[in-house]
Amino acid sequence: MVKHIVLWNFAEGLSSEEKAEAALKMETLLVPIKNLVPGAVEIQVIQNQLLSSNREIALISTFETVEALETYQKHPAHVEAGNYVRSVTCDRACIDFEFEAESYS
């Protein structure tokens, strides 16, 4: 299994309302891709709710294999979503790692 985690801040100048709208649109664009990519297990978009965080929004996704992650990254729906995400975010950070499903909680 592969975990793909991406973190961003929203672009400077967005109001709280605009951030909420952007988060909802990101979720609307990204989550359905799970049904389009073989090997996609889970895709979540989470907006920060705690002051202890230093990023405002996260994409947390799980794939069966590295190849499934690569297919997701090249999928036209992901490319389209990425164009929107880049227009409303900054300070991207990403980590991808493999794990055994039984040992991950």
C-alpha atoms as a PDB file:
ATOM      1  CA  MET A   1       0.000   0.000   0.000  1.00  0.00           C
ATOM      2  CA  VAL A   2       1.063   3.585  -0.602  1.00  0.00           C
ATOM      3  CA  LYS A   3       0.066   6.661   1.375  1.00  0.00           C
ATOM      4  CA  HIS A   4       0.161  10.008  -0.479  1.00  0.00           C
ATOM      5  CA  ILE A   5      -0.140  13.071   1.762  1.00  0.00           C
ATOM      6  CA  VAL A   6      -0.064  16.628   0.423  1.00  0.00           C
ATOM      7  CA  LEU A   7      -0.330  19.732   2.593  1.00  0.00           C
ATOM      8  CA  TRP A   8      -0.885  23.349   1.561  1.00  0.00           C
ATOM      9  CA  ASN A   9      -1.719  26.766   2.851  1.00  0.00           C
ATOM     10  CA  PHE A  10      -4.297  28.785   1.003  1.00  0.00           C
ATOM     11  CA  ALA A  11      -3.126  31.554  -1.282  1.00  0.00           C
ATOM     12  CA  GLU A  12      -2.580  34.865   0.441  1.00  0.00           C
ATOM     13  CA  GLY A  13      -5.531  37.211   0.415  1.00  0.00           C
ATOM     14  CA  LEU A  14      -8.312  34.621   0.493  1.00  0.00           C
ATOM     15  CA  SER A  15     -11.027  35.347   3.053  1.00  0.00           C
ATOM     16  CA  SER A  16     -12.269  32.656   5.438  1.00  0.00           C
ATOM     17  CA  GLU A  17     -15.335  32.232   3.216  1.00  0.00           C
ATOM     18  CA  GLU A  18     -13.180  31.893   0.089  1.00  0.00           C
ATOM     19  CA  LYS A  19     -10.994  29.322   1.849  1.00  0.00           C
ATOM     20  CA  ALA A  20     -14.063  27.280   2.793  1.00  0.00           C
ATOM     21  CA  GLU A  21     -15.336  27.466  -0.800  1.00  0.00           C
ATOM     22  CA  ALA A  22     -11.918  26.466  -2.160  1.00  0.00           C
ATOM     23  CA  ALA A  23     -11.721  23.502   0.244  1.00  0.00           C
ATOM     24  CA  LEU A  24     -15.148  22.308  -0.856  1.00  0.00           C
ATOM     25  CA  LYS A  25     -14.234  22.625  -4.535  1.00  0.00           C
ATOM     26  CA  MET A  26     -10.947  20.773  -3.940  1.00  0.00           C
ATOM     27  CA  GLU A  27     -12.900  17.973  -2.277  1.00  0.00           C
ATOM     28  CA  THR A  28     -15.444  17.932  -5.109  1.00  0.00           C
ATOM     29  CA  LEU A  29     -12.671  17.656  -7.710  1.00  0.00           C
ATOM     30  CA  LEU A  30     -10.337  15.216  -5.962  1.00  0.00           C
ATOM     31  CA  VAL A  31     -12.442  12.697  -4.029  1.00  0.00           C
ATOM     32  CA  PRO A  32     -14.348  11.281  -7.056  1.00  0.00           C
ATOM     33  CA  ILE A  33     -11.052  10.393  -8.737  1.00  0.00           C
ATOM     34  CA  LYS A  34     -10.978   7.358  -6.434  1.00  0.00           C
ATOM     35  CA  ASN A  35     -13.654   5.794  -8.638  1.00  0.00           C
ATOM     36  CA  LEU A  36     -11.696   6.528 -11.828  1.00  0.00           C
ATOM     37  CA  VAL A  37      -8.289   5.093 -10.930  1.00  0.00           C
ATOM     38  CA  PRO A  38      -7.826   1.356 -10.432  1.00  0.00           C
ATOM     39  CA  GLY A  39      -5.998   0.763  -7.162  1.00  0.00           C
ATOM     40  CA  ALA A  40      -7.156   3.976  -5.487  1.00  0.00           C
ATOM     41  CA  VAL A  41      -8.356   2.991  -2.019  1.00  0.00           C
ATOM     42  CA  GLU A  42      -9.179   6.295  -0.329  1.00  0.00           C
ATOM     43  CA  ILE A  43      -8.994  10.017  -1.098  1.00  0.00           C
ATOM     44  CA  GLN A  44      -9.790  12.637   1.555  1.00  0.00           C
ATOM     45  CA  VAL A  45      -9.527  16.419   1.604  1.00  0.00           C
ATOM     46  CA  ILE A  46      -9.343  17.846   5.117  1.00  0.00           C
ATOM     47  CA  GLN A  47      -9.371  21.507   6.093  1.00  0.00           C
ATOM     48  CA  ASN A  48      -7.377  22.379   9.204  1.00  0.00           C
ATOM     49  CA  GLN A  49      -9.457  22.813  12.344  1.00  0.00           C
ATOM     50  CA  LEU A  50      -6.791  23.032  15.060  1.00  0.00           C
ATOM     51  CA  LEU A  51      -4.390  25.854  15.849  1.00  0.00           C
ATOM     52  CA  SER A  52      -1.545  23.375  16.349  1.00  0.00           C
ATOM     53  CA  SER A  53      -1.258  22.817  12.575  1.00  0.00           C
ATOM     54  CA  ASN A  54       0.958  24.815  10.249  1.00  0.00           C
ATOM     55  CA  ARG A  55      -0.884  23.959   7.024  1.00  0.00           C
ATOM     56  CA  GLU A  56      -4.480  24.832   6.196  1.00  0.00           C
ATOM     57  CA  ILE A  57      -5.590  21.967   3.969  1.00  0.00           C
ATOM     58  CA  ALA A  58      -4.533  18.389   3.309  1.00  0.00           C
ATOM     59  CA  LEU A  59      -5.043  15.679   0.725  1.00  0.00           C
ATOM     60  CA  ILE A  60      -4.670  12.238   2.288  1.00  0.00           C
ATOM     61  CA  SER A  61      -4.940   9.320  -0.090  1.00  0.00           C
ATOM     62  CA  THR A  62      -4.158   5.631  -0.163  1.00  0.00           C
ATOM     63  CA  PHE A  63      -3.302   3.455  -3.158  1.00  0.00           C
ATOM     64  CA  GLU A  64      -2.726  -0.260  -3.521  1.00  0.00           C
ATOM     65  CA  THR A  65       0.592   0.204  -5.352  1.00  0.00           C
ATOM     66  CA  VAL A  66       3.123   2.798  -6.468  1.00  0.00           C
ATOM     67  CA  GLU A  67       1.843   2.225 -10.015  1.00  0.00           C
ATOM     68  CA  ALA A  68      -1.699   3.131  -8.921  1.00  0.00           C
ATOM     69  CA  LEU A  69      -0.363   6.377  -7.414  1.00  0.00           C
ATOM     70  CA  GLU A  70       1.449   7.145 -10.670  1.00  0.00           C
ATOM     71  CA  THR A  71      -1.742   6.445 -12.652  1.00  0.00           C
ATOM     72  CA  TYR A  72      -3.638   8.816 -10.335  1.00  0.00           C
ATOM     73  CA  GLN A  73      -1.045  11.559 -10.779  1.00  0.00           C
ATOM     74  CA  LYS A  74      -1.289  11.344 -14.582  1.00  0.00           C
ATOM     75  CA  HIS A  75      -5.067  10.957 -14.766  1.00  0.00           C
ATOM     76  CA  PRO A  76      -6.756  13.856 -16.630  1.00  0.00           C
ATOM     77  CA  ALA A  77      -9.150  14.474 -13.727  1.00  0.00           C
ATOM     78  CA  HIS A  78      -6.177  14.834 -11.355  1.00  0.00           C
ATOM     79  CA  VAL A  79      -4.372  17.148 -13.773  1.00  0.00           C
ATOM     80  CA  GLU A  80      -7.515  19.321 -13.987  1.00  0.00           C
ATOM     81  CA  ALA A  81      -7.912  19.327 -10.201  1.00  0.00           C
ATOM     82  CA  GLY A  82      -4.231  20.229  -9.824  1.00  0.00           C
ATOM     83  CA  ASN A  83      -4.695  23.303 -11.986  1.00  0.00           C
ATOM     84  CA  TYR A  84      -7.442  24.524  -9.670  1.00  0.00           C
ATOM     85  CA  VAL A  85      -5.569  23.579  -6.484  1.00  0.00           C
ATOM     86  CA  ARG A  86      -2.476  25.523  -7.594  1.00  0.00           C
ATOM     87  CA  SER A  87      -4.663  28.597  -8.183  1.00  0.00           C
ATOM     88  CA  VAL A  88      -5.881  28.701  -4.554  1.00  0.00           C
ATOM     89  CA  THR A  89      -2.936  27.291  -2.563  1.00  0.00           C
ATOM     90  CA  CYS A  90       0.751  27.808  -1.822  1.00  0.00           C
ATOM     91  CA  ASP A  91       3.482  26.287   0.352  1.00  0.00           C
ATOM     92  CA  ARG A  92       2.948  22.714  -0.900  1.00  0.00           C
ATOM     93  CA  ALA A  93       4.523  19.871   1.063  1.00  0.00           C
ATOM     94  CA  CYS A  94       4.206  16.200   0.117  1.00  0.00           C
ATOM     95  CA  ILE A  95       5.238  12.816   1.426  1.00  0.00           C
ATOM     96  CA  ASP A  96       4.617   9.418  -0.154  1.00  0.00           C
ATOM     97  CA  PHE A  97       5.441   6.159   1.611  1.00  0.00           C
ATOM     98  CA  GLU A  98       4.805   2.463   1.310  1.00  0.00           C
ATOM     99  CA  PHE A  99       3.375   0.455   4.184  1.00  0.00           C
ATOM    100  CA  GLU A 100       1.893  -2.908   4.971  1.00  0.00           C
ATOM    101  CA  ALA A 101      -1.853  -2.544   5.445  1.00  0.00           C
ATOM    102  CA  GLU A 102      -1.904  -4.865   8.456  1.00  0.00           C
ATOM    103  CA  SER A 103       0.696  -2.844  10.364  1.00  0.00           C
ATOM    104  CA  TYR A 104      -0.680   0.626   9.655  1.00  0.00           C
ATOM    105  CA  SER A 105      -3.301   2.199  11.874  1.00  0.00           C
END
